[in-house]
Every structure is written in structure tokens, then in C-alpha cells.
């Protein structure tokens, strides 16, 4: 992809980029970890486990506890979180119009999330975004051996969508995802709606603050 060319494929992270689920996820995770014997606040969860796969979070908690989590802890957490999501999930502001413009320009779009495909489908459905994505354009880190910050997931998504890495761009809001996109050889746009985007920029992302900016960043007039 040349400097002034639009990409062939835009790969979106899901949580925090398409849907506003992170506050709920962090709260429910903090409650579940605290109940398991390791007191944590939602802010502490966000800081310690940002962008990590759920199985890796569970392993980290067990390491801190120096004991195994109760059997079925992960699926129980997922069920509890899904119940909270069903109370309402909002799309990230301005992302719907951005997706419409990007797709109308002929740029293919897909999702590549650390989370399970089932979680991605649920949150996209609840937020009204599911119809913007083809059924085979939702990718999970469970489909590859190594999740973010390794490049495997983004490379798998691009390959499945029939694009070369240099034809794709990544839209991420987390350091691990930005690192994975750069390692995959893709240009990365770092969404930093609030707070400091310096960490994303430090990983090589082009930082932006509103989804309304994204179409022009992808070369669309």
C-alpha cells in the first residue's frame, strides 16, 4: 500500500474500537478475581490485563494466588459477563458512519479480537454493528496459536480475507494490538478517544481521537 493509497482491507479490534464494552468487562473481571481470593479493582484489572487473552489472564491470576482457580472459572466468568452485556452495549461513537463510508469505498472490513468469536458476535449484535461484517470476517485469537502481541491473528485475518499484509491496515486501541499489527507488517491506527495516546504512538501507531477521522486517514475524501 503506497503512502497515498487506500488499503484493501481494514482490520478492526473489537472491544474499545467498535463497541464500548471495556468498563463492563473490567468490572465483572474485578469481581470474579476478587471472589477467587485476589482483591482487584476494575482500574487495576484494566492496567494489569489490558488486551490479554482470557486464558492468559486466568493463568496470571493463578500465578498470583499460587493456586488453581476453581474448575469452570473461565466459562462462569464468560456467562456472567454476557449477562451484563445483555443489559446494553453501545457502539463506539461515530463508528457506524465510519464503517459505512469505508465499505462504500470498496475497502473490505473484518474484526480480529483477542476474545472468542462468540463474544464478538454477541457484542456486535447487541450494539447493532453485526450487519456491517460478513459472517466469515470475524476472527478470534483462539483461531491461532499465539494471540496479540504476536502477529499471528492479524496475518491469519489478512490471509483469510485474501490480502497481503502490506495491503491491510489495523485499527487498535491497545498497546498489545498495535505491536501485533506492526509485527505483521501492517500500518496501524491507534484509537485514543480519551487519555494519552503516547503509548500507542510509542509502538508505532498513527494516533487519532474520533472515529469520524478514520475515513480520511484511510485516504477517503
Protein backbone atom coordinates (compact mmCIF):
# COMPACT_ATOMS: atom_id res chain seq x y z
CA UNK A 1 0.00 0.00 0.00
CA UNK A 2 1.55 3.27 -1.05
CA UNK A 3 1.57 6.29 1.19
CA UNK A 4 -1.34 7.99 -0.59
CA UNK A 5 -3.31 4.85 -1.42
CA UNK A 6 -6.28 3.47 0.43
CA UNK A 7 -5.83 -0.03 1.86
CA UNK A 8 -7.60 -3.06 0.51
CA UNK A 9 -8.50 -4.31 3.99
CA UNK A 10 -9.18 -2.63 7.33
CA UNK A 11 -8.84 -4.96 10.33
CA UNK A 12 -10.66 -3.73 13.45
CA UNK A 13 -10.10 -4.76 17.02
CA UNK A 14 -13.49 -5.12 18.72
CA UNK A 15 -13.55 -4.05 22.38
CA UNK A 16 -12.90 -0.34 22.73
CA UNK A 17 -12.71 0.16 18.96
CA UNK A 18 -16.11 -0.99 17.72
CA UNK A 19 -18.02 -1.50 20.95
CA UNK A 20 -17.83 0.21 24.33
CA UNK A 21 -17.56 -2.91 26.48
CA UNK A 22 -14.34 -2.45 28.40
CA UNK A 23 -15.78 -0.77 31.54
CA UNK A 24 -18.28 -3.61 31.99
CA UNK A 25 -15.69 -6.29 31.23
CA UNK A 26 -13.21 -4.82 33.69
CA UNK A 27 -15.82 -4.52 36.44
CA UNK A 28 -17.04 -8.10 36.06
CA UNK A 29 -13.47 -9.38 35.84
CA UNK A 30 -12.52 -7.49 39.02
CA UNK A 31 -15.49 -9.03 40.84
CA UNK A 32 -14.62 -12.55 39.66
CA UNK A 33 -10.94 -12.24 40.56
CA UNK A 34 -11.73 -10.73 43.95
CA UNK A 35 -14.15 -13.57 44.72
CA UNK A 36 -11.39 -16.03 43.80
CA UNK A 37 -9.22 -14.56 46.56
CA UNK A 38 -7.19 -11.83 44.85
CA UNK A 39 -8.75 -8.42 45.57
CA UNK A 40 -8.62 -6.17 42.49
CA UNK A 41 -10.43 -3.06 41.34
CA UNK A 42 -11.70 -2.51 37.81
CA UNK A 43 -8.92 0.05 37.27
CA UNK A 44 -6.33 -2.46 38.43
CA UNK A 45 -7.71 -5.07 36.05
CA UNK A 46 -7.54 -2.59 33.17
CA UNK A 47 -3.94 -1.76 33.96
CA UNK A 48 -2.74 -5.30 34.57
CA UNK A 49 -4.55 -7.21 31.84
CA UNK A 50 -5.16 -4.74 29.02
CA UNK A 51 -5.53 -6.58 25.72
CA UNK A 52 -4.68 -10.03 27.11
CA UNK A 53 -6.43 -13.28 26.22
CA UNK A 54 -8.78 -14.60 28.85
CA UNK A 55 -6.84 -17.84 29.33
CA UNK A 56 -3.65 -15.83 29.88
CA UNK A 57 -5.42 -13.63 32.43
CA UNK A 58 -6.58 -16.74 34.30
CA UNK A 59 -3.02 -18.10 34.29
CA UNK A 60 -1.68 -14.79 35.63
CA UNK A 61 -4.26 -14.79 38.43
CA UNK A 62 -3.36 -18.36 39.36
CA UNK A 63 0.29 -17.34 39.46
CA UNK A 64 -0.53 -14.52 41.90
CA UNK A 65 -2.73 -16.77 44.01
CA UNK A 66 -0.19 -19.59 43.88
CA UNK A 67 -3.22 -21.84 43.50
CA UNK A 68 -5.55 -23.04 40.78
CA UNK A 69 -8.76 -21.16 40.09
CA UNK A 70 -11.97 -23.12 40.71
CA UNK A 71 -12.90 -25.55 37.96
CA UNK A 72 -15.01 -23.81 35.34
CA UNK A 73 -13.91 -20.32 36.40
CA UNK A 74 -13.37 -19.08 32.84
CA UNK A 75 -16.74 -20.19 31.38
CA UNK A 76 -18.51 -18.97 34.54
CA UNK A 77 -16.91 -15.56 34.07
CA UNK A 78 -17.89 -15.51 30.39
CA UNK A 79 -21.50 -16.35 31.26
CA UNK A 80 -21.60 -13.65 33.93
CA UNK A 81 -20.10 -11.08 31.57
CA UNK A 82 -22.55 -11.97 28.79
CA UNK A 83 -25.43 -11.41 31.22
CA UNK A 84 -24.12 -7.92 31.92
CA UNK A 85 -23.61 -7.21 28.23
CA UNK A 86 -27.24 -8.08 27.52
CA UNK A 87 -28.26 -5.15 29.69
CA UNK A 88 -26.92 -2.93 26.90
CA UNK A 89 -23.85 -2.48 24.69
CA UNK A 90 -23.18 0.76 22.85
CA UNK A 91 -21.25 1.17 19.62
CA UNK A 92 -18.22 3.44 19.82
CA UNK A 93 -19.29 6.98 18.84
CA UNK A 94 -19.21 7.66 15.08
CA UNK A 95 -18.02 4.16 14.23
CA UNK A 96 -21.21 3.21 12.38
CA UNK A 97 -20.90 6.04 9.86
CA UNK A 98 -17.17 5.34 9.52
CA UNK A 99 -17.85 1.68 8.68
CA UNK A 100 -20.46 2.68 6.10
CA UNK A 101 -18.08 5.11 4.38
CA UNK A 102 -15.17 2.67 4.41
CA UNK A 103 -17.21 -0.18 2.97
CA UNK A 104 -18.81 2.09 0.37
CA UNK A 105 -15.32 2.98 -0.86
CA UNK A 106 -14.62 -0.68 -1.59
CA UNK A 107 -12.34 -1.30 1.38
CA UNK A 108 -13.04 -4.72 2.91
CA UNK A 109 -13.50 -4.80 6.68
CA UNK A 110 -13.10 -7.52 9.29
CA UNK A 111 -12.67 -7.96 13.03
CA UNK A 112 -9.67 -9.54 14.78
CA UNK A 113 -10.16 -9.79 18.53
CA UNK A 114 -8.40 -11.49 21.42
CA UNK A 115 -11.86 -12.58 22.58
CA UNK A 116 -13.83 -15.59 21.41
CA UNK A 117 -15.86 -15.35 18.24
CA UNK A 118 -18.99 -15.90 20.35
CA UNK A 119 -18.24 -12.80 22.44
CA UNK A 120 -17.54 -10.74 19.34
CA UNK A 121 -20.79 -11.84 17.72
CA UNK A 122 -22.73 -11.07 20.89
CA UNK A 123 -21.38 -7.55 21.39
CA UNK A 124 -21.62 -6.63 17.70
CA UNK A 125 -25.21 -7.87 17.67
CA UNK A 126 -26.18 -6.01 20.84
CA UNK A 127 -24.59 -2.79 19.55
CA UNK A 128 -26.24 -3.02 16.13
CA UNK A 129 -22.96 -3.43 14.23
CA UNK A 130 -23.15 -7.11 13.26
CA UNK A 131 -24.68 -6.49 9.82
CA UNK A 132 -21.67 -4.42 8.75
CA UNK A 133 -19.47 -7.55 8.75
CA UNK A 134 -19.60 -10.68 6.65
CA UNK A 135 -20.14 -13.90 8.59
CA UNK A 136 -16.64 -15.16 7.75
CA UNK A 137 -14.96 -11.85 8.63
CA UNK A 138 -14.86 -12.31 12.42
CA UNK A 139 -11.55 -13.66 13.71
CA UNK A 140 -10.54 -14.69 17.22
CA UNK A 141 -7.15 -15.28 18.81
CA UNK A 142 -8.48 -18.76 19.60
CA UNK A 143 -8.05 -19.49 15.89
CA UNK A 144 -4.25 -19.14 16.16
CA UNK A 145 -1.57 -20.46 18.50
CA UNK A 146 -0.36 -17.08 19.72
CA UNK A 147 -2.57 -14.04 20.27
CA UNK A 148 -1.56 -10.39 20.39
CA UNK A 149 1.14 -9.04 20.75
CA UNK A 150 2.25 -11.71 18.29
CA UNK A 151 1.31 -11.04 14.65
CA UNK A 152 -0.41 -14.39 14.07
CA UNK A 153 -4.01 -13.21 14.40
CA UNK A 154 -3.66 -10.28 12.02
CA UNK A 155 -1.78 -12.38 9.49
CA UNK A 156 -4.48 -15.06 9.71
CA UNK A 157 -7.20 -12.45 9.19
CA UNK A 158 -5.48 -10.91 6.16
CA UNK A 159 -4.75 -14.30 4.62
CA UNK A 160 -8.34 -15.44 5.16
CA UNK A 161 -9.63 -12.25 3.53
CA UNK A 162 -7.14 -12.81 0.67
CA UNK A 163 -4.91 -9.77 1.21
CA UNK A 164 -1.18 -9.38 1.68
CA UNK A 165 -0.02 -7.71 4.92
CA UNK A 166 1.02 -4.54 3.13
CA UNK A 167 -2.49 -4.22 1.69
CA UNK A 168 -4.05 -4.16 5.15
CA UNK A 169 -4.29 -1.68 8.00
CA UNK A 170 -5.14 -2.31 11.64
CA UNK A 171 -7.34 -0.17 13.90
CA UNK A 172 -6.47 -0.77 17.56
CA UNK A 173 -6.78 0.88 20.96
CA UNK A 174 -4.30 -1.24 22.91
CA UNK A 175 -0.53 -1.49 23.08
CA UNK A 176 -0.51 -5.26 22.51
CA UNK A 177 -2.66 -4.92 19.42
CA UNK A 178 -0.60 -2.09 17.98
CA UNK A 179 2.55 -4.13 18.49
CA UNK A 180 0.95 -7.14 16.81
CA UNK A 181 -0.12 -5.09 13.82
CA UNK A 182 3.34 -3.61 13.35
CA UNK A 183 4.95 -7.05 13.65
CA UNK A 184 2.52 -8.25 10.99
CA UNK A 185 3.89 -5.60 8.63
CA UNK A 186 0.71 -3.54 8.63
CA UNK A 187 0.12 0.17 9.14
CA UNK A 188 -1.64 0.69 12.47
CA UNK A 189 -4.03 3.44 13.51
CA UNK A 190 -4.30 3.85 17.27
CA UNK A 191 -7.70 4.97 18.56
CA UNK A 192 -7.28 7.07 21.70
CA UNK A 193 -10.63 8.71 22.37
CA UNK A 194 -9.61 9.73 25.86
CA UNK A 195 -6.40 9.92 27.77
CA UNK A 196 -2.91 9.90 26.38
CA UNK A 197 -2.22 8.26 23.03
CA UNK A 198 1.54 8.43 23.62
CA UNK A 199 1.80 4.71 24.44
CA UNK A 200 0.15 3.81 21.14
CA UNK A 201 2.34 6.27 19.25
CA UNK A 202 5.36 4.82 21.00
CA UNK A 203 4.52 1.44 19.49
CA UNK A 204 4.35 2.97 16.01
CA UNK A 205 0.66 3.77 15.63
CA UNK A 206 -0.80 6.82 13.95
CA UNK A 207 -3.00 8.14 16.75
CA UNK A 208 -6.49 9.56 16.22
CA UNK A 209 -9.18 10.68 18.65
CA UNK A 210 -12.51 10.23 16.88
CA UNK A 211 -13.86 7.55 14.55
CA UNK A 212 -15.10 10.38 12.34
CA UNK A 213 -11.42 10.95 11.44
CA UNK A 214 -10.81 7.38 10.29
CA UNK A 215 -12.16 7.52 6.70
CA UNK A 216 -9.88 10.42 5.81
CA UNK A 217 -6.93 8.68 7.46
CA UNK A 218 -7.59 5.74 5.11
CA UNK A 219 -7.37 8.05 2.12
CA UNK A 220 -11.08 8.66 1.57
CA UNK A 221 -12.27 12.14 0.64
